[in-house]
Amino acid sequence: HKLMLQIKADINDPNILQYQEEYNKKLQFLKQKCPVIYHSLYPYQLDTLKKAFLSRRQGRLLIADEMGLGKTLQALAISVCLYSHWPLLIICPAILRSTWVNEIEKFISFIKAKDIFILYNSITFNRQLFDQAKIVITSYTMQRKLQNEFQNKKWDIIICDESHRLSTFGDKNYQFLHTLMIQAKYCMFLSGTPYLNKAIDIYRPLSTL
């Protein structure tokens, strides 16, 4: 009930005009910085950007479109709008790491290969590349194994892909990720999979946001 009251307060936020001005600036920045993304967005995807920024939660949201409707593109568009807050941390299932790299290379032309650090395993972890990267891509498994490395670095913007998987985490593993995302100024959950089991499954991501 408390969570629903907070959501209702967001909708009726009196600062909406201020948010609109900031949103217009972000959209103009996206158009100039990354025209490929800007011109690739459909109207419903632009609507997601509006919802991301036209509330006091400013860039903290759950993108729950069905598969194939461009959740990744929307998340990247929002991330570019927030470029001044990078480095960007992307946490996803291991099998999707290369997919994220492909989408970044396709849509974000100003990002070079050297700007992306993909964390495959703890053995090949490179602290220098990790610290210098503009984008870090890791799996949920590697994020748990290298908790200290992630905890010791400041993250202002985090994307969690296939976020419904959080419902399968044990309390200890979930708590670390929850803390990491609470400390971040901006956070996006992406999931096209319905939450069908217990209310706590959807409460976790919503309370984190």
C-alpha atoms as a PDB file:
ATOM      1  CA  HIS A   1       0.000   0.000   0.000  1.00  0.00           C
ATOM      2  CA  LYS A   2       2.804   2.401   0.877  1.00  0.00           C
ATOM      3  CA  LEU A   3       4.512   1.658  -2.445  1.00  0.00           C
ATOM      4  CA  MET A   4       1.316   2.422  -4.394  1.00  0.00           C
ATOM      5  CA  LEU A   5       0.947   5.739  -2.561  1.00  0.00           C
ATOM      6  CA  GLN A   6       4.488   6.650  -3.609  1.00  0.00           C
ATOM      7  CA  ILE A   7       3.697   5.827  -7.249  1.00  0.00           C
ATOM      8  CA  LYS A   8       0.525   7.949  -7.080  1.00  0.00           C
ATOM      9  CA  ALA A   9       2.567  10.838  -5.662  1.00  0.00           C
ATOM     10  CA  ASP A  10       4.939  10.594  -8.621  1.00  0.00           C
ATOM     11  CA  ILE A  11       2.052  10.938 -11.081  1.00  0.00           C
ATOM     12  CA  ASN A  12       0.741  14.059  -9.309  1.00  0.00           C
ATOM     13  CA  ASP A  13       4.154  15.645  -8.763  1.00  0.00           C
ATOM     14  CA  PRO A  14       3.838  19.482  -8.820  1.00  0.00           C
ATOM     15  CA  ASN A  15       7.323  19.857 -10.328  1.00  0.00           C
ATOM     16  CA  ILE A  16       6.224  18.411 -13.672  1.00  0.00           C
ATOM     17  CA  LEU A  17       7.038  21.648 -15.568  1.00  0.00           C
ATOM     18  CA  GLN A  18      10.606  21.588 -14.299  1.00  0.00           C
ATOM     19  CA  TYR A  19      10.919  17.947 -15.315  1.00  0.00           C
ATOM     20  CA  GLN A  20       9.550  18.794 -18.766  1.00  0.00           C
ATOM     21  CA  GLU A  21      12.274  21.399 -19.296  1.00  0.00           C
ATOM     22  CA  GLU A  22      14.986  18.962 -18.224  1.00  0.00           C
ATOM     23  CA  TYR A  23      13.495  16.242 -20.429  1.00  0.00           C
ATOM     24  CA  ASN A  24      13.594  18.526 -23.469  1.00  0.00           C
ATOM     25  CA  LYS A  25      17.270  19.208 -22.816  1.00  0.00           C
ATOM     26  CA  LYS A  26      18.028  15.494 -22.498  1.00  0.00           C
ATOM     27  CA  LEU A  27      16.160  14.697 -25.698  1.00  0.00           C
ATOM     28  CA  GLN A  28      18.067  17.397 -27.577  1.00  0.00           C
ATOM     29  CA  PHE A  29      21.337  16.027 -26.204  1.00  0.00           C
ATOM     30  CA  LEU A  30      20.395  12.526 -27.384  1.00  0.00           C
ATOM     31  CA  LYS A  31      19.620  13.862 -30.859  1.00  0.00           C
ATOM     32  CA  GLN A  32      23.003  15.584 -31.099  1.00  0.00           C
ATOM     33  CA  LYS A  33      25.158  13.019 -29.328  1.00  0.00           C
ATOM     34  CA  CYS A  34      23.645   9.873 -30.808  1.00  0.00           C
ATOM     35  CA  PRO A  35      21.409  10.569 -33.835  1.00  0.00           C
ATOM     36  CA  VAL A  36      21.317   6.869 -34.743  1.00  0.00           C
ATOM     37  CA  ILE A  37      19.429   6.037 -31.555  1.00  0.00           C
ATOM     38  CA  TYR A  38      17.231   9.123 -31.735  1.00  0.00           C
ATOM     39  CA  HIS A  39      16.017   8.387 -35.259  1.00  0.00           C
ATOM     40  CA  SER A  40      15.547   4.681 -34.454  1.00  0.00           C
ATOM     41  CA  LEU A  41      13.024   5.286 -31.683  1.00  0.00           C
ATOM     42  CA  TYR A  42       9.350   4.610 -32.300  1.00  0.00           C
ATOM     43  CA  PRO A  43       6.708   6.859 -30.665  1.00  0.00           C
ATOM     44  CA  TYR A  44       6.018   4.319 -27.894  1.00  0.00           C
ATOM     45  CA  GLN A  45       9.753   4.194 -27.156  1.00  0.00           C
ATOM     46  CA  LEU A  46       9.929   7.973 -26.923  1.00  0.00           C
ATOM     47  CA  ASP A  47       7.017   7.687 -24.515  1.00  0.00           C
ATOM     48  CA  THR A  48       9.219   5.489 -22.322  1.00  0.00           C
ATOM     49  CA  LEU A  49      11.805   8.283 -22.211  1.00  0.00           C
ATOM     50  CA  LYS A  50       9.113  10.705 -21.103  1.00  0.00           C
ATOM     51  CA  LYS A  51       8.023   8.365 -18.328  1.00  0.00           C
ATOM     52  CA  ALA A  52      11.654   7.928 -17.302  1.00  0.00           C
ATOM     53  CA  PHE A  53      12.238  11.616 -16.732  1.00  0.00           C
ATOM     54  CA  LEU A  54       8.865  13.295 -16.144  1.00  0.00           C
ATOM     55  CA  SER A  55       8.657  12.331 -12.467  1.00  0.00           C
ATOM     56  CA  ARG A  56      10.706  12.741  -9.321  1.00  0.00           C
ATOM     57  CA  ARG A  57      12.107   9.228  -9.825  1.00  0.00           C
ATOM     58  CA  GLN A  58      14.126  10.589 -12.779  1.00  0.00           C
ATOM     59  CA  GLY A  59      15.647   7.613 -14.564  1.00  0.00           C
ATOM     60  CA  ARG A  60      14.596   4.838 -12.167  1.00  0.00           C
ATOM     61  CA  LEU A  61      12.137   2.563 -13.943  1.00  0.00           C
ATOM     62  CA  LEU A  62      11.033  -0.907 -14.979  1.00  0.00           C
ATOM     63  CA  ILE A  63      10.776  -1.419 -18.762  1.00  0.00           C
ATOM     64  CA  ALA A  64       8.438  -4.388 -19.125  1.00  0.00           C
ATOM     65  CA  ASP A  65       7.629  -4.455 -22.846  1.00  0.00           C
ATOM     66  CA  GLU A  66       7.217  -7.844 -24.485  1.00  0.00           C
ATOM     67  CA  MET A  67      10.092  -9.514 -26.295  1.00  0.00           C
ATOM     68  CA  GLY A  68      11.006  -7.841 -29.574  1.00  0.00           C
ATOM     69  CA  LEU A  69       9.720  -4.372 -28.715  1.00  0.00           C
ATOM     70  CA  GLY A  70      13.142  -2.839 -28.119  1.00  0.00           C
ATOM     71  CA  LYS A  71      13.748  -2.721 -24.373  1.00  0.00           C
ATOM     72  CA  THR A  72      17.501  -2.671 -24.995  1.00  0.00           C
ATOM     73  CA  LEU A  73      17.250   0.301 -27.354  1.00  0.00           C
ATOM     74  CA  GLN A  74      15.098   2.217 -24.884  1.00  0.00           C
ATOM     75  CA  ALA A  75      17.551   1.556 -22.063  1.00  0.00           C
ATOM     76  CA  LEU A  76      20.481   2.690 -24.222  1.00  0.00           C
ATOM     77  CA  ALA A  77      18.611   5.844 -25.234  1.00  0.00           C
ATOM     78  CA  ILE A  78      17.966   6.722 -21.584  1.00  0.00           C
ATOM     79  CA  SER A  79      21.599   5.937 -20.766  1.00  0.00           C
ATOM     80  CA  VAL A  80      22.904   8.292 -23.459  1.00  0.00           C
ATOM     81  CA  CYS A  81      20.632  11.024 -22.081  1.00  0.00           C
ATOM     82  CA  LEU A  82      22.492  10.469 -18.796  1.00  0.00           C
ATOM     83  CA  TYR A  83      25.952  10.311 -20.364  1.00  0.00           C
ATOM     84  CA  SER A  84      27.429  12.788 -17.874  1.00  0.00           C
ATOM     85  CA  HIS A  85      26.789  10.180 -15.142  1.00  0.00           C
ATOM     86  CA  TRP A  86      28.703   7.325 -16.781  1.00  0.00           C
ATOM     87  CA  PRO A  87      30.377   4.807 -16.347  1.00  0.00           C
ATOM     88  CA  LEU A  88      27.405   2.641 -17.189  1.00  0.00           C
ATOM     89  CA  LEU A  89      27.052  -0.774 -15.551  1.00  0.00           C
ATOM     90  CA  ILE A  90      25.027  -3.422 -17.398  1.00  0.00           C
ATOM     91  CA  ILE A  91      24.184  -6.648 -15.523  1.00  0.00           C
ATOM     92  CA  CYS A  92      22.577  -9.422 -17.539  1.00  0.00           C
ATOM     93  CA  PRO A  93      22.501 -13.211 -17.968  1.00  0.00           C
ATOM     94  CA  ALA A  94      25.880 -14.442 -19.247  1.00  0.00           C
ATOM     95  CA  ILE A  95      24.449 -15.462 -22.609  1.00  0.00           C
ATOM     96  CA  LEU A  96      23.331 -11.886 -23.310  1.00  0.00           C
ATOM     97  CA  ARG A  97      26.659 -10.126 -22.783  1.00  0.00           C
ATOM     98  CA  SER A  98      27.602 -10.307 -26.473  1.00  0.00           C
ATOM     99  CA  THR A  99      24.087  -9.145 -27.439  1.00  0.00           C
ATOM    100  CA  TRP A 100      24.564  -5.971 -25.430  1.00  0.00           C
ATOM    101  CA  VAL A 101      27.955  -5.371 -27.048  1.00  0.00           C
ATOM    102  CA  ASN A 102      26.416  -5.761 -30.513  1.00  0.00           C
ATOM    103  CA  GLU A 103      23.594  -3.348 -29.715  1.00  0.00           C
ATOM    104  CA  ILE A 104      26.002  -0.775 -28.287  1.00  0.00           C
ATOM    105  CA  GLU A 105      28.250  -0.969 -31.347  1.00  0.00           C
ATOM    106  CA  LYS A 106      25.201  -0.706 -33.613  1.00  0.00           C
ATOM    107  CA  PHE A 107      23.540   2.286 -31.993  1.00  0.00           C
ATOM    108  CA  ILE A 108      26.163   4.257 -30.017  1.00  0.00           C
ATOM    109  CA  SER A 109      28.686   5.398 -32.583  1.00  0.00           C
ATOM    110  CA  PHE A 110      30.824   7.459 -30.200  1.00  0.00           C
ATOM    111  CA  ILE A 111      31.677   4.378 -28.105  1.00  0.00           C
ATOM    112  CA  LYS A 112      34.771   2.481 -29.221  1.00  0.00           C
ATOM    113  CA  ALA A 113      35.765  -1.097 -28.421  1.00  0.00           C
ATOM    114  CA  LYS A 114      38.291   0.111 -25.832  1.00  0.00           C
ATOM    115  CA  ASP A 115      35.493   1.902 -23.963  1.00  0.00           C
ATOM    116  CA  ILE A 116      33.690  -1.379 -23.193  1.00  0.00           C
ATOM    117  CA  PHE A 117      34.876  -3.817 -20.549  1.00  0.00           C
ATOM    118  CA  ILE A 118      33.209  -7.240 -20.674  1.00  0.00           C
ATOM    119  CA  LEU A 119      33.692  -9.287 -17.539  1.00  0.00           C
ATOM    120  CA  TYR A 120      33.804 -12.959 -18.516  1.00  0.00           C
ATOM    121  CA  ASN A 121      35.480 -14.505 -15.458  1.00  0.00           C
ATOM    122  CA  SER A 122      37.427 -13.601 -12.335  1.00  0.00           C
ATOM    123  CA  ILE A 123      40.694 -15.014 -13.700  1.00  0.00           C
ATOM    124  CA  THR A 124      40.906 -12.514 -16.571  1.00  0.00           C
ATOM    125  CA  PHE A 125      39.668  -9.560 -14.488  1.00  0.00           C
ATOM    126  CA  ASN A 126      41.751  -6.462 -15.298  1.00  0.00           C
ATOM    127  CA  ARG A 127      41.509  -3.673 -12.745  1.00  0.00           C
ATOM    128  CA  GLN A 128      42.895  -0.993 -15.067  1.00  0.00           C
ATOM    129  CA  LEU A 129      40.480  -1.757 -17.913  1.00  0.00           C
ATOM    130  CA  PHE A 130      37.641  -2.063 -15.395  1.00  0.00           C
ATOM    131  CA  ASP A 131      38.362   1.393 -13.972  1.00  0.00           C
ATOM    132  CA  GLN A 132      38.880   3.072 -17.352  1.00  0.00           C
ATOM    133  CA  ALA A 133      35.841   1.650 -19.150  1.00  0.00           C
ATOM    134  CA  LYS A 134      32.868   3.841 -19.970  1.00  0.00           C
ATOM    135  CA  ILE A 135      30.640   0.754 -20.090  1.00  0.00           C
ATOM    136  CA  VAL A 136      31.056  -2.391 -17.979  1.00  0.00           C
ATOM    137  CA  ILE A 137      29.057  -5.474 -18.950  1.00  0.00           C
ATOM    138  CA  THR A 138      28.877  -8.399 -16.549  1.00  0.00           C
ATOM    139  CA  SER A 139      26.688 -11.354 -15.698  1.00  0.00           C
ATOM    140  CA  TYR A 140      24.727 -11.783 -12.475  1.00  0.00           C
ATOM    141  CA  THR A 141      27.088 -14.638 -11.572  1.00  0.00           C
ATOM    142  CA  MET A 142      30.269 -12.570 -12.012  1.00  0.00           C
ATOM    143  CA  GLN A 143      28.746  -9.635 -10.192  1.00  0.00           C
ATOM    144  CA  ARG A 144      28.210 -11.909  -7.178  1.00  0.00           C
ATOM    145  CA  LYS A 145      31.702 -13.417  -7.371  1.00  0.00           C
ATOM    146  CA  LEU A 146      33.425 -10.025  -7.543  1.00  0.00           C
ATOM    147  CA  GLN A 147      31.231  -8.113  -5.115  1.00  0.00           C
ATOM    148  CA  ASN A 148      34.143  -6.184  -3.606  1.00  0.00           C
ATOM    149  CA  GLU A 149      35.259  -4.895  -7.003  1.00  0.00           C
ATOM    150  CA  PHE A 150      31.803  -3.573  -7.800  1.00  0.00           C
ATOM    151  CA  GLN A 151      31.252  -2.210  -4.321  1.00  0.00           C
ATOM    152  CA  ASN A 152      34.478  -0.199  -4.406  1.00  0.00           C
ATOM    153  CA  LYS A 153      33.515   1.627  -7.603  1.00  0.00           C
ATOM    154  CA  LYS A 154      30.903   4.379  -7.815  1.00  0.00           C
ATOM    155  CA  TRP A 155      28.010   3.587 -10.164  1.00  0.00           C
ATOM    156  CA  ASP A 156      25.508   6.325 -10.932  1.00  0.00           C
ATOM    157  CA  ILE A 157      23.648   4.385 -13.610  1.00  0.00           C
ATOM    158  CA  ILE A 158      22.873   0.643 -13.711  1.00  0.00           C
ATOM    159  CA  ILE A 159      20.872  -1.521 -16.122  1.00  0.00           C
ATOM    160  CA  CYS A 160      19.641  -4.941 -14.999  1.00  0.00           C
ATOM    161  CA  ASP A 161      18.471  -7.041 -17.930  1.00  0.00           C
ATOM    162  CA  GLU A 162      16.090  -9.996 -17.436  1.00  0.00           C
ATOM    163  CA  SER A 163      15.484  -8.563 -13.983  1.00  0.00           C
ATOM    164  CA  HIS A 164      12.788 -11.133 -13.153  1.00  0.00           C
ATOM    165  CA  ARG A 165      15.702 -13.436 -12.315  1.00  0.00           C
ATOM    166  CA  LEU A 166      16.164 -11.476  -9.108  1.00  0.00           C
ATOM    167  CA  SER A 167      13.244 -13.435  -7.692  1.00  0.00           C
ATOM    168  CA  THR A 168      15.419 -16.580  -7.735  1.00  0.00           C
ATOM    169  CA  PHE A 169      18.281 -15.011  -5.782  1.00  0.00           C
ATOM    170  CA  GLY A 170      18.938 -15.894  -2.171  1.00  0.00           C
ATOM    171  CA  ASP A 171      18.501 -13.086   0.332  1.00  0.00           C
ATOM    172  CA  LYS A 172      22.242 -12.425   0.696  1.00  0.00           C
ATOM    173  CA  ASN A 173      22.924 -12.168  -3.039  1.00  0.00           C
ATOM    174  CA  TYR A 174      19.837 -10.062  -3.637  1.00  0.00           C
ATOM    175  CA  GLN A 175      20.683  -7.712  -0.781  1.00  0.00           C
ATOM    176  CA  PHE A 176      24.067  -6.849  -2.269  1.00  0.00           C
ATOM    177  CA  LEU A 177      22.580  -6.069  -5.672  1.00  0.00           C
ATOM    178  CA  HIS A 178      19.749  -4.145  -4.009  1.00  0.00           C
ATOM    179  CA  THR A 179      22.273  -2.013  -2.101  1.00  0.00           C
ATOM    180  CA  LEU A 180      24.297  -1.385  -5.264  1.00  0.00           C
ATOM    181  CA  MET A 181      21.215  -0.154  -7.106  1.00  0.00           C
ATOM    182  CA  ILE A 182      19.892   1.907  -4.207  1.00  0.00           C
ATOM    183  CA  GLN A 183      23.210   3.772  -4.140  1.00  0.00           C
ATOM    184  CA  ALA A 184      23.027   4.458  -7.885  1.00  0.00           C
ATOM    185  CA  LYS A 185      21.231   7.639  -8.905  1.00  0.00           C
ATOM    186  CA  TYR A 186      19.699   5.982 -11.965  1.00  0.00           C
ATOM    187  CA  CYS A 187      18.563   2.392 -12.344  1.00  0.00           C
ATOM    188  CA  MET A 188      16.661   0.454 -15.002  1.00  0.00           C
ATOM    189  CA  PHE A 189      15.134  -3.009 -14.790  1.00  0.00           C
ATOM    190  CA  LEU A 190      14.345  -4.754 -18.077  1.00  0.00           C
ATOM    191  CA  SER A 191      12.042  -7.760 -18.230  1.00  0.00           C
ATOM    192  CA  GLY A 192       9.447  -9.058 -20.656  1.00  0.00           C
ATOM    193  CA  THR A 193       8.636 -12.032 -18.420  1.00  0.00           C
ATOM    194  CA  PRO A 194       5.493 -11.787 -16.251  1.00  0.00           C
ATOM    195  CA  TYR A 195       5.792 -12.171 -12.489  1.00  0.00           C
ATOM    196  CA  LEU A 196       3.442 -15.088 -11.891  1.00  0.00           C
ATOM    197  CA  ASN A 197       4.406 -16.678  -8.587  1.00  0.00           C
ATOM    198  CA  LYS A 198       4.477 -14.568  -5.429  1.00  0.00           C
ATOM    199  CA  ALA A 199       3.857 -10.894  -4.690  1.00  0.00           C
ATOM    200  CA  ILE A 200       7.379 -10.613  -3.277  1.00  0.00           C
ATOM    201  CA  ASP A 201       8.750 -11.261  -6.778  1.00  0.00           C
ATOM    202  CA  ILE A 202       7.439  -7.937  -8.108  1.00  0.00           C
ATOM    203  CA  TYR A 203       7.913  -6.147  -4.783  1.00  0.00           C
ATOM    204  CA  ARG A 204      11.688  -6.591  -4.953  1.00  0.00           C
ATOM    205  CA  PRO A 205      12.299  -4.589  -8.149  1.00  0.00           C
ATOM    206  CA  LEU A 206       9.637  -1.994  -7.380  1.00  0.00           C
ATOM    207  CA  SER A 207      10.963  -1.324  -3.877  1.00  0.00           C
ATOM    208  CA  THR A 208      14.485  -0.992  -5.261  1.00  0.00           C
ATOM    209  CA  LEU A 209      13.329   1.573  -7.813  1.00  0.00           C
END
